[in-house]
PDB file of all heavy atoms in Angstrom:
ATOM      1  N   ALA A   1     -50.092 -15.289  64.480  1.00  0.00           N
ATOM      2  CA  ALA A   1     -49.143 -14.188  64.299  1.00  0.00           C
ATOM      3  C   ALA A   1     -47.947 -14.631  63.460  1.00  0.00           C
ATOM      4  O   ALA A   1     -47.457 -13.877  62.604  1.00  0.00           O
ATOM      5  CB  ALA A   1     -48.678 -13.678  65.657  1.00  0.00           C
ATOM      6  N   TYR A   2     -47.502 -15.838  63.679  1.00  0.00           N
ATOM      7  CA  TYR A   2     -46.346 -16.362  62.942  1.00  0.00           C
ATOM      8  C   TYR A   2     -46.660 -16.522  61.462  1.00  0.00           C
ATOM      9  O   TYR A   2     -45.875 -16.110  60.592  1.00  0.00           O
ATOM     10  CB  TYR A   2     -45.948 -17.705  63.552  1.00  0.00           C
ATOM     11  CG  TYR A   2     -44.841 -18.424  62.813  1.00  0.00           C
ATOM     12  CD1 TYR A   2     -43.512 -18.012  62.929  1.00  0.00           C
ATOM     13  CD2 TYR A   2     -45.122 -19.533  62.020  1.00  0.00           C
ATOM     14  CE1 TYR A   2     -42.498 -18.687  62.262  1.00  0.00           C
ATOM     15  CE2 TYR A   2     -44.113 -20.212  61.349  1.00  0.00           C
ATOM     16  CZ  TYR A   2     -42.808 -19.776  61.469  1.00  0.00           C
ATOM     17  OH  TYR A   2     -41.812 -20.433  60.812  1.00  0.00           O
ATOM     18  N   LEU A   3     -47.807 -17.090  61.152  1.00  0.00           N
ATOM     19  CA  LEU A   3     -48.174 -17.287  59.748  1.00  0.00           C
ATOM     20  C   LEU A   3     -48.389 -15.963  59.030  1.00  0.00           C
ATOM     21  O   LEU A   3     -48.034 -15.814  57.850  1.00  0.00           O
ATOM     22  CB  LEU A   3     -49.430 -18.155  59.649  1.00  0.00           C
ATOM     23  CG  LEU A   3     -49.275 -19.619  60.080  1.00  0.00           C
ATOM     24  CD1 LEU A   3     -50.620 -20.337  60.019  1.00  0.00           C
ATOM     25  CD2 LEU A   3     -48.246 -20.358  59.226  1.00  0.00           C
ATOM     26  N   ALA A   4     -48.961 -14.995  59.732  1.00  0.00           N
ATOM     27  CA  ALA A   4     -49.192 -13.691  59.122  1.00  0.00           C
ATOM     28  C   ALA A   4     -47.879 -13.036  58.701  1.00  0.00           C
ATOM     29  O   ALA A   4     -47.815 -12.324  57.691  1.00  0.00           O
ATOM     30  CB  ALA A   4     -49.940 -12.782  60.099  1.00  0.00           C
ATOM     31  N   LYS A   5     -46.828 -13.305  59.451  1.00  0.00           N
ATOM     32  CA  LYS A   5     -45.529 -12.685  59.195  1.00  0.00           C
ATOM     33  C   LYS A   5     -44.664 -13.481  58.222  1.00  0.00           C
ATOM     34  O   LYS A   5     -43.888 -12.911  57.459  1.00  0.00           O
ATOM     35  CB  LYS A   5     -44.790 -12.500  60.520  1.00  0.00           C
ATOM     36  CG  LYS A   5     -43.470 -11.771  60.408  1.00  0.00           C
ATOM     37  CD  LYS A   5     -42.853 -11.552  61.776  1.00  0.00           C
ATOM     38  CE  LYS A   5     -41.525 -10.785  61.678  1.00  0.00           C
ATOM     39  NZ  LYS A   5     -40.910 -10.568  63.006  1.00  0.00           N
ATOM     40  N   HIS A   6     -44.807 -14.807  58.220  1.00  0.00           N
ATOM     41  CA  HIS A   6     -43.827 -15.652  57.533  1.00  0.00           C
ATOM     42  C   HIS A   6     -44.376 -16.430  56.342  1.00  0.00           C
ATOM     43  O   HIS A   6     -43.713 -17.317  55.826  1.00  0.00           O
ATOM     44  CB  HIS A   6     -43.205 -16.635  58.536  1.00  0.00           C
ATOM     45  CG  HIS A   6     -42.408 -15.962  59.608  1.00  0.00           C
ATOM     46  ND1 HIS A   6     -41.125 -15.511  59.404  1.00  0.00           N
ATOM     47  CD2 HIS A   6     -42.733 -15.656  60.890  1.00  0.00           C
ATOM     48  CE1 HIS A   6     -40.682 -14.955  60.526  1.00  0.00           C
ATOM     49  NE2 HIS A   6     -41.620 -15.030  61.438  1.00  0.00           N
ATOM     50  N   THR A   7     -45.585 -16.103  55.897  1.00  0.00           N
ATOM     51  CA  THR A   7     -46.148 -16.811  54.736  1.00  0.00           C
ATOM     52  C   THR A   7     -46.703 -15.808  53.724  1.00  0.00           C
ATOM     53  O   THR A   7     -46.918 -14.638  54.042  1.00  0.00           O
ATOM     54  CB  THR A   7     -47.272 -17.779  55.146  1.00  0.00           C
ATOM     55  OG1 THR A   7     -48.379 -17.042  55.680  1.00  0.00           O
ATOM     56  CG2 THR A   7     -46.787 -18.790  56.170  1.00  0.00           C
ATOM     57  N   PHE A   8     -46.961 -16.298  52.517  1.00  0.00           N
ATOM     58  CA  PHE A   8     -47.609 -15.481  51.494  1.00  0.00           C
ATOM     59  C   PHE A   8     -48.603 -16.344  50.730  1.00  0.00           C
ATOM     60  O   PHE A   8     -48.471 -17.577  50.680  1.00  0.00           O
ATOM     61  CB  PHE A   8     -46.578 -14.865  50.537  1.00  0.00           C
ATOM     62  CG  PHE A   8     -45.831 -15.867  49.696  1.00  0.00           C
ATOM     63  CD1 PHE A   8     -46.276 -16.223  48.419  1.00  0.00           C
ATOM     64  CD2 PHE A   8     -44.663 -16.459  50.172  1.00  0.00           C
ATOM     65  CE1 PHE A   8     -45.586 -17.140  47.642  1.00  0.00           C
ATOM     66  CE2 PHE A   8     -43.963 -17.384  49.401  1.00  0.00           C
ATOM     67  CZ  PHE A   8     -44.424 -17.729  48.137  1.00  0.00           C
ATOM     68  N   PHE A   9     -49.612 -15.701  50.172  1.00  0.00           N
ATOM     69  CA  PHE A   9     -50.638 -16.406  49.409  1.00  0.00           C
ATOM     70  C   PHE A   9     -50.269 -16.454  47.930  1.00  0.00           C
ATOM     71  O   PHE A   9     -49.731 -15.507  47.367  1.00  0.00           O
ATOM     72  CB  PHE A   9     -51.997 -15.713  49.565  1.00  0.00           C
ATOM     73  CG  PHE A   9     -52.739 -16.077  50.808  1.00  0.00           C
ATOM     74  CD1 PHE A   9     -52.565 -15.341  51.965  1.00  0.00           C
ATOM     75  CD2 PHE A   9     -53.596 -17.168  50.833  1.00  0.00           C
ATOM     76  CE1 PHE A   9     -53.245 -15.672  53.129  1.00  0.00           C
ATOM     77  CE2 PHE A   9     -54.281 -17.518  51.983  1.00  0.00           C
ATOM     78  CZ  PHE A   9     -54.104 -16.769  53.134  1.00  0.00           C
ATOM     79  N   LYS A  10     -50.583 -17.590  47.330  1.00  0.00           N
ATOM     80  CA  LYS A  10     -50.414 -17.747  45.887  1.00  0.00           C
ATOM     81  C   LYS A  10     -51.427 -18.789  45.417  1.00  0.00           C
ATOM     82  O   LYS A  10     -51.468 -19.898  45.944  1.00  0.00           O
ATOM     83  CB  LYS A  10     -48.988 -18.223  45.573  1.00  0.00           C
ATOM     84  CG  LYS A  10     -48.723 -18.481  44.098  1.00  0.00           C
ATOM     85  CD  LYS A  10     -47.297 -18.997  43.916  1.00  0.00           C
ATOM     86  CE  LYS A  10     -47.023 -19.399  42.487  1.00  0.00           C
ATOM     87  NZ  LYS A  10     -45.658 -19.962  42.325  1.00  0.00           N
ATOM     88  N   ASN A  11     -52.252 -18.402  44.449  1.00  0.00           N
ATOM     89  CA  ASN A  11     -53.290 -19.308  43.928  1.00  0.00           C
ATOM     90  C   ASN A  11     -54.147 -19.899  45.046  1.00  0.00           C
ATOM     91  O   ASN A  11     -54.450 -21.092  45.077  1.00  0.00           O
ATOM     92  CB  ASN A  11     -52.661 -20.439  43.109  1.00  0.00           C
ATOM     93  CG  ASN A  11     -51.915 -19.921  41.903  1.00  0.00           C
ATOM     94  OD1 ASN A  11     -52.292 -18.900  41.319  1.00  0.00           O
ATOM     95  ND2 ASN A  11     -50.850 -20.608  41.520  1.00  0.00           N
ATOM     96  N   ASN A  12     -54.500 -19.046  46.004  1.00  0.00           N
ATOM     97  CA  ASN A  12     -55.400 -19.432  47.095  1.00  0.00           C
ATOM     98  C   ASN A  12     -54.786 -20.441  48.063  1.00  0.00           C
ATOM     99  O   ASN A  12     -55.498 -21.125  48.791  1.00  0.00           O
ATOM    100  CB  ASN A  12     -56.719 -19.988  46.552  1.00  0.00           C
ATOM    101  CG  ASN A  12     -57.902 -19.612  47.418  1.00  0.00           C
ATOM    102  OD1 ASN A  12     -57.905 -18.529  48.042  1.00  0.00           O
ATOM    103  ND2 ASN A  12     -58.909 -20.463  47.484  1.00  0.00           N
ATOM    104  N   GLU A  13     -53.472 -20.551  48.091  1.00  0.00           N
ATOM    105  CA  GLU A  13     -52.760 -21.420  49.030  1.00  0.00           C
ATOM    106  C   GLU A  13     -51.672 -20.594  49.700  1.00  0.00           C
ATOM    107  O   GLU A  13     -51.285 -19.538  49.206  1.00  0.00           O
ATOM    108  CB  GLU A  13     -52.149 -22.620  48.313  1.00  0.00           C
ATOM    109  CG  GLU A  13     -53.177 -23.535  47.672  1.00  0.00           C
ATOM    110  CD  GLU A  13     -52.533 -24.665  46.884  1.00  0.00           C
ATOM    111  OE1 GLU A  13     -51.525 -24.396  46.193  1.00  0.00           O
ATOM    112  OE2 GLU A  13     -53.026 -25.796  46.959  1.00  0.00           O
ATOM    113  N   ILE A  14     -51.153 -21.084  50.850  1.00  0.00           N
ATOM    114  CA  ILE A  14     -50.090 -20.326  51.513  1.00  0.00           C
ATOM    115  C   ILE A  14     -48.755 -21.038  51.343  1.00  0.00           C
ATOM    116  O   ILE A  14     -48.683 -22.273  51.264  1.00  0.00           O
ATOM    117  CB  ILE A  14     -50.365 -20.050  53.002  1.00  0.00           C
ATOM    118  CG1 ILE A  14     -50.375 -21.334  53.842  1.00  0.00           C
ATOM    119  CG2 ILE A  14     -51.614 -19.246  53.202  1.00  0.00           C
ATOM    120  CD1 ILE A  14     -50.166 -21.072  55.322  1.00  0.00           C
ATOM    121  N   PHE A  15     -47.708 -20.210  51.306  1.00  0.00           N
ATOM    122  CA  PHE A  15     -46.357 -20.697  51.112  1.00  0.00           C
ATOM    123  C   PHE A  15     -45.430 -20.042  52.130  1.00  0.00           C
ATOM    124  O   PHE A  15     -45.654 -18.898  52.543  1.00  0.00           O
ATOM    125  CB  PHE A  15     -45.874 -20.394  49.693  1.00  0.00           C
ATOM    126  CG  PHE A  15     -46.615 -21.147  48.627  1.00  0.00           C
ATOM    127  CD1 PHE A  15     -47.880 -20.729  48.210  1.00  0.00           C
ATOM    128  CD2 PHE A  15     -46.067 -22.286  48.053  1.00  0.00           C
ATOM    129  CE1 PHE A  15     -48.574 -21.429  47.232  1.00  0.00           C
ATOM    130  CE2 PHE A  15     -46.756 -22.986  47.068  1.00  0.00           C
ATOM    131  CZ  PHE A  15     -48.000 -22.558  46.662  1.00  0.00           C
ATOM    132  N   SER A  16     -44.409 -20.759  52.511  1.00  0.00           N
ATOM    133  CA  SER A  16     -43.413 -20.231  53.430  1.00  0.00           C
ATOM    134  C   SER A  16     -42.522 -19.227  52.706  1.00  0.00           C
ATOM    135  O   SER A  16     -41.987 -19.519  51.629  1.00  0.00           O
ATOM    136  CB  SER A  16     -42.552 -21.365  53.980  1.00  0.00           C
ATOM    137  OG  SER A  16     -41.382 -20.870  54.601  1.00  0.00           O
ATOM    138  N   LYS A  17     -42.342 -18.039  53.294  1.00  0.00           N
ATOM    139  CA  LYS A  17     -41.451 -17.049  52.712  1.00  0.00           C
ATOM    140  C   LYS A  17     -40.005 -17.534  52.718  1.00  0.00           C
ATOM    141  O   LYS A  17     -39.231 -17.201  51.812  1.00  0.00           O
ATOM    142  CB  LYS A  17     -41.551 -15.731  53.485  1.00  0.00           C
ATOM    143  CG  LYS A  17     -42.840 -14.973  53.275  1.00  0.00           C
ATOM    144  CD  LYS A  17     -42.833 -13.672  54.060  1.00  0.00           C
ATOM    145  CE  LYS A  17     -44.119 -12.875  53.843  1.00  0.00           C
ATOM    146  NZ  LYS A  17     -44.123 -11.624  54.634  1.00  0.00           N
ATOM    147  N   LYS A  18     -39.642 -18.331  53.712  1.00  0.00           N
ATOM    148  CA  LYS A  18     -38.257 -18.772  53.840  1.00  0.00           C
ATOM    149  C   LYS A  18     -37.917 -19.898  52.872  1.00  0.00           C
ATOM    150  O   LYS A  18     -36.904 -19.867  52.182  1.00  0.00           O
ATOM    151  CB  LYS A  18     -37.973 -19.206  55.277  1.00  0.00           C
ATOM    152  CG  LYS A  18     -36.525 -19.597  55.521  1.00  0.00           C
ATOM    153  CD  LYS A  18     -36.265 -19.877  56.988  1.00  0.00           C
ATOM    154  CE  LYS A  18     -34.790 -20.216  57.217  1.00  0.00           C
ATOM    155  NZ  LYS A  18     -34.490 -20.465  58.652  1.00  0.00           N
ATOM    156  N   SER A  19     -38.781 -20.927  52.813  1.00  0.00           N
ATOM    157  CA  SER A  19     -38.467 -22.110  52.005  1.00  0.00           C
ATOM    158  C   SER A  19     -39.107 -22.088  50.628  1.00  0.00           C
ATOM    159  O   SER A  19     -38.671 -22.793  49.719  1.00  0.00           O
ATOM    160  CB  SER A  19     -38.912 -23.378  52.735  1.00  0.00           C
ATOM    161  OG  SER A  19     -40.338 -23.448  52.788  1.00  0.00           O
ATOM    162  N   GLY A  20     -40.185 -21.310  50.494  1.00  0.00           N
ATOM    163  CA  GLY A  20     -40.937 -21.300  49.240  1.00  0.00           C
ATOM    164  C   GLY A  20     -41.885 -22.474  49.079  1.00  0.00           C
ATOM    165  O   GLY A  20     -42.592 -22.582  48.079  1.00  0.00           O
ATOM    166  N   ARG A  21     -41.925 -23.349  50.089  1.00  0.00           N
ATOM    167  CA  ARG A  21     -42.780 -24.535  49.987  1.00  0.00           C
ATOM    168  C   ARG A  21     -44.211 -24.224  50.415  1.00  0.00           C
ATOM    169  O   ARG A  21     -44.456 -23.353  51.251  1.00  0.00           O
ATOM    170  CB  ARG A  21     -42.211 -25.668  50.861  1.00  0.00           C
ATOM    171  CG  ARG A  21     -40.910 -26.244  50.329  1.00  0.00           C
ATOM    172  CD  ARG A  21     -40.481 -27.445  51.155  1.00  0.00           C
ATOM    173  NE  ARG A  21     -40.027 -27.071  52.482  1.00  0.00           N
ATOM    174  CZ  ARG A  21     -38.758 -27.106  52.894  1.00  0.00           C
ATOM    175  NH1 ARG A  21     -37.801 -27.480  52.060  1.00  0.00           N
ATOM    176  NH2 ARG A  21     -38.434 -26.766  54.119  1.00  0.00           N
ATOM    177  N   ARG A  22     -45.138 -24.989  49.838  1.00  0.00           N
ATOM    178  CA  ARG A  22     -46.546 -24.882  50.226  1.00  0.00           C
ATOM    179  C   ARG A  22     -46.720 -25.423  51.645  1.00  0.00           C
ATOM    180  O   ARG A  22     -46.153 -26.456  52.008  1.00  0.00           O
ATOM    181  CB  ARG A  22     -47.424 -25.684  49.267  1.00  0.00           C
ATOM    182  CG  ARG A  22     -48.924 -25.590  49.586  1.00  0.00           C
ATOM    183  CD  ARG A  22     -49.766 -26.343  48.573  1.00  0.00           C
ATOM    184  NE  ARG A  22     -49.755 -27.775  48.791  1.00  0.00           N
ATOM    185  CZ  ARG A  22     -50.831 -28.561  48.663  1.00  0.00           C
ATOM    186  NH1 ARG A  22     -51.993 -28.040  48.322  1.00  0.00           N
ATOM    187  NH2 ARG A  22     -50.743 -29.861  48.837  1.00  0.00           N
ATOM    188  N   ILE A  23     -47.514 -24.718  52.452  1.00  0.00           N
ATOM    189  CA  ILE A  23     -47.929 -25.223  53.766  1.00  0.00           C
ATOM    190  C   ILE A  23     -49.373 -25.673  53.603  1.00  0.00           C
ATOM    191  O   ILE A  23     -50.271 -24.853  53.379  1.00  0.00           O
ATOM    192  CB  ILE A  23     -47.798 -24.149  54.859  1.00  0.00           C
ATOM    193  CG1 ILE A  23     -46.355 -23.630  54.928  1.00  0.00           C
ATOM    194  CG2 ILE A  23     -48.227 -24.720  56.206  1.00  0.00           C
ATOM    195  CD1 ILE A  23     -46.157 -22.495  55.916  1.00  0.00           C
ATOM    196  N   SER A  24     -49.603 -26.978  53.688  1.00  0.00           N
ATOM    197  CA  SER A  24     -50.907 -27.503  53.275  1.00  0.00           C
ATOM    198  C   SER A  24     -51.841 -27.876  54.415  1.00  0.00           C
ATOM    199  O   SER A  24     -53.055 -27.959  54.215  1.00  0.00           O
ATOM    200  CB  SER A  24     -50.717 -28.730  52.383  1.00  0.00           C
ATOM    201  OG  SER A  24     -49.966 -29.720  53.046  1.00  0.00           O
ATOM    202  N   ALA A  25     -51.302 -28.105  55.610  1.00  0.00           N
ATOM    203  CA  ALA A  25     -52.165 -28.632  56.675  1.00  0.00           C
ATOM    204  C   ALA A  25     -51.583 -28.336  58.046  1.00  0.00           C
ATOM    205  O   ALA A  25     -50.395 -28.031  58.194  1.00  0.00           O
ATOM    206  CB  ALA A  25     -52.336 -30.140  56.500  1.00  0.00           C
ATOM    207  N   MET A  26     -52.439 -28.440  59.041  1.00  0.00           N
ATOM    208  CA  MET A  26     -52.001 -28.416  60.445  1.00  0.00           C
ATOM    209  C   MET A  26     -52.506 -29.671  61.143  1.00  0.00           C
ATOM    210  O   MET A  26     -53.561 -30.224  60.790  1.00  0.00           O
ATOM    211  CB  MET A  26     -52.497 -27.158  61.171  1.00  0.00           C
ATOM    212  CG  MET A  26     -53.997 -27.121  61.394  1.00  0.00           C
ATOM    213  SD  MET A  26     -54.513 -25.899  62.648  1.00  0.00           S
ATOM    214  CE  MET A  26     -54.186 -24.345  61.864  1.00  0.00           C
ATOM    215  N   VAL A  27     -51.739 -30.107  62.151  1.00  0.00           N
ATOM    216  CA  VAL A  27     -52.102 -31.299  62.911  1.00  0.00           C
ATOM    217  C   VAL A  27     -52.071 -30.966  64.402  1.00  0.00           C
ATOM    218  O   VAL A  27     -51.080 -31.214  65.100  1.00  0.00           O
ATOM    219  CB  VAL A  27     -51.159 -32.489  62.614  1.00  0.00           C
ATOM    220  CG1 VAL A  27     -51.670 -33.762  63.307  1.00  0.00           C
ATOM    221  CG2 VAL A  27     -51.027 -32.715  61.115  1.00  0.00           C
ATOM    222  N   PRO A  28     -53.140 -30.374  64.945  1.00  0.00           N
ATOM    223  CA  PRO A  28     -53.198 -30.151  66.394  1.00  0.00           C
ATOM    224  C   PRO A  28     -53.325 -31.477  67.132  1.00  0.00           C
ATOM    225  O   PRO A  28     -54.050 -32.376  66.691  1.00  0.00           O
ATOM    226  CB  PRO A  28     -54.442 -29.282  66.576  1.00  0.00           C
ATOM    227  CG  PRO A  28     -55.274 -29.533  65.362  1.00  0.00           C
ATOM    228  CD  PRO A  28     -54.339 -29.878  64.251  1.00  0.00           C
ATOM    229  N   MET A  29     -52.602 -31.605  68.224  1.00  0.00           N
ATOM    230  CA  MET A  29     -52.614 -32.841  69.018  1.00  0.00           C
ATOM    231  C   MET A  29     -53.155 -32.540  70.410  1.00  0.00           C
ATOM    232  O   MET A  29     -52.746 -31.571  71.048  1.00  0.00           O
ATOM    233  CB  MET A  29     -51.181 -33.407  69.100  1.00  0.00           C
ATOM    234  CG  MET A  29     -51.109 -34.857  69.549  1.00  0.00           C
ATOM    235  SD  MET A  29     -51.006 -35.060  71.340  1.00  0.00           S
ATOM    236  CE  MET A  29     -49.335 -34.554  71.656  1.00  0.00           C
ATOM    237  N   HIS A  30     -54.083 -33.377  70.867  1.00  0.00           N
ATOM    238  CA  HIS A  30     -54.708 -33.194  72.180  1.00  0.00           C
ATOM    239  C   HIS A  30     -53.830 -33.894  73.228  1.00  0.00           C
ATOM    240  O   HIS A  30     -54.007 -35.075  73.533  1.00  0.00           O
ATOM    241  CB  HIS A  30     -56.128 -33.747  72.180  1.00  0.00           C
ATOM    242  CG  HIS A  30     -57.006 -33.151  71.123  1.00  0.00           C
ATOM    243  ND1 HIS A  30     -57.392 -31.834  71.140  1.00  0.00           N
ATOM    244  CD2 HIS A  30     -57.552 -33.693  69.992  1.00  0.00           C
ATOM    245  CE1 HIS A  30     -58.165 -31.590  70.087  1.00  0.00           C
ATOM    246  NE2 HIS A  30     -58.262 -32.692  69.377  1.00  0.00           N
ATOM    247  N   THR A  31     -52.902 -33.136  73.800  1.00  0.00           N
ATOM    248  CA  THR A  31     -51.836 -33.687  74.626  1.00  0.00           C
ATOM    249  C   THR A  31     -52.359 -34.306  75.911  1.00  0.00           C
ATOM    250  O   THR A  31     -53.028 -33.643  76.706  1.00  0.00           O
ATOM    251  CB  THR A  31     -50.821 -32.578  74.970  1.00  0.00           C
ATOM    252  OG1 THR A  31     -50.456 -31.897  73.769  1.00  0.00           O
ATOM    253  CG2 THR A  31     -49.575 -33.165  75.622  1.00  0.00           C
ATOM    254  N   PHE A  32     -52.036 -35.579  76.105  1.00  0.00           N
ATOM    255  CA  PHE A  32     -52.439 -36.357  77.290  1.00  0.00           C
ATOM    256  C   PHE A  32     -53.952 -36.383  77.484  1.00  0.00           C
ATOM    257  O   PHE A  32     -54.441 -36.614  78.585  1.00  0.00           O
ATOM    258  CB  PHE A  32     -51.751 -35.828  78.560  1.00  0.00           C
ATOM    259  CG  PHE A  32     -50.258 -35.753  78.465  1.00  0.00           C
ATOM    260  CD1 PHE A  32     -49.567 -34.632  78.898  1.00  0.00           C
ATOM    261  CD2 PHE A  32     -49.531 -36.803  77.926  1.00  0.00           C
ATOM    262  CE1 PHE A  32     -48.183 -34.562  78.799  1.00  0.00           C
ATOM    263  CE2 PHE A  32     -48.144 -36.747  77.822  1.00  0.00           C
ATOM    264  CZ  PHE A  32     -47.471 -35.621  78.260  1.00  0.00           C
ATOM    265  N   GLY A  33     -54.680 -36.128  76.392  1.00  0.00           N
ATOM    266  CA  GLY A  33     -56.135 -36.142  76.448  1.00  0.00           C
ATOM    267  C   GLY A  33     -56.761 -34.785  76.680  1.00  0.00           C
ATOM    268  O   GLY A  33     -57.993 -34.662  76.685  1.00  0.00           O
ATOM    269  N   HIS A  34     -55.946 -33.733  76.854  1.00  0.00           N
ATOM    270  CA  HIS A  34     -56.476 -32.390  77.098  1.00  0.00           C
ATOM    271  C   HIS A  34     -56.738 -31.685  75.770  1.00  0.00           C
ATOM    272  O   HIS A  34     -55.798 -31.427  75.008  1.00  0.00           O
ATOM    273  CB  HIS A  34     -55.496 -31.577  77.936  1.00  0.00           C
ATOM    274  CG  HIS A  34     -55.240 -32.146  79.297  1.00  0.00           C
ATOM    275  ND1 HIS A  34     -56.242 -32.293  80.236  1.00  0.00           N
ATOM    276  CD2 HIS A  34     -54.108 -32.620  79.871  1.00  0.00           C
ATOM    277  CE1 HIS A  34     -55.733 -32.822  81.342  1.00  0.00           C
ATOM    278  NE2 HIS A  34     -54.436 -33.031  81.141  1.00  0.00           N
ATOM    279  N   PRO A  35     -57.971 -31.333  75.467  1.00  0.00           N
ATOM    280  CA  PRO A  35     -58.281 -30.712  74.182  1.00  0.00           C
ATOM    281  C   PRO A  35     -57.603 -29.352  73.992  1.00  0.00           C
ATOM    282  O   PRO A  35     -57.490 -28.564  74.936  1.00  0.00           O
ATOM    283  CB  PRO A  35     -59.810 -30.550  74.229  1.00  0.00           C
ATOM    284  CG  PRO A  35     -60.274 -31.602  75.202  1.00  0.00           C
ATOM    285  CD  PRO A  35     -59.199 -31.652  76.240  1.00  0.00           C
ATOM    286  N   VAL A  36     -57.156 -29.114  72.769  1.00  0.00           N
ATOM    287  CA  VAL A  36     -56.624 -27.794  72.420  1.00  0.00           C
ATOM    288  C   VAL A  36     -57.779 -26.863  72.066  1.00  0.00           C
ATOM    289  O   VAL A  36     -58.938 -27.298  71.987  1.00  0.00           O
ATOM    290  CB  VAL A  36     -55.632 -27.884  71.235  1.00  0.00           C
ATOM    291  CG1 VAL A  36     -54.407 -28.677  71.619  1.00  0.00           C
ATOM    292  CG2 VAL A  36     -56.295 -28.486  70.011  1.00  0.00           C
TER     293      VAL A  36
END
């Protein structure tokens, strides 16, 4: 929901509406061994 509201697509990549920077990756972390 957050990305749908706060990003835009350009050349098949997403960018932050606020900063204008490319958002290139996510890093999910399996906290204390519990899978996300």
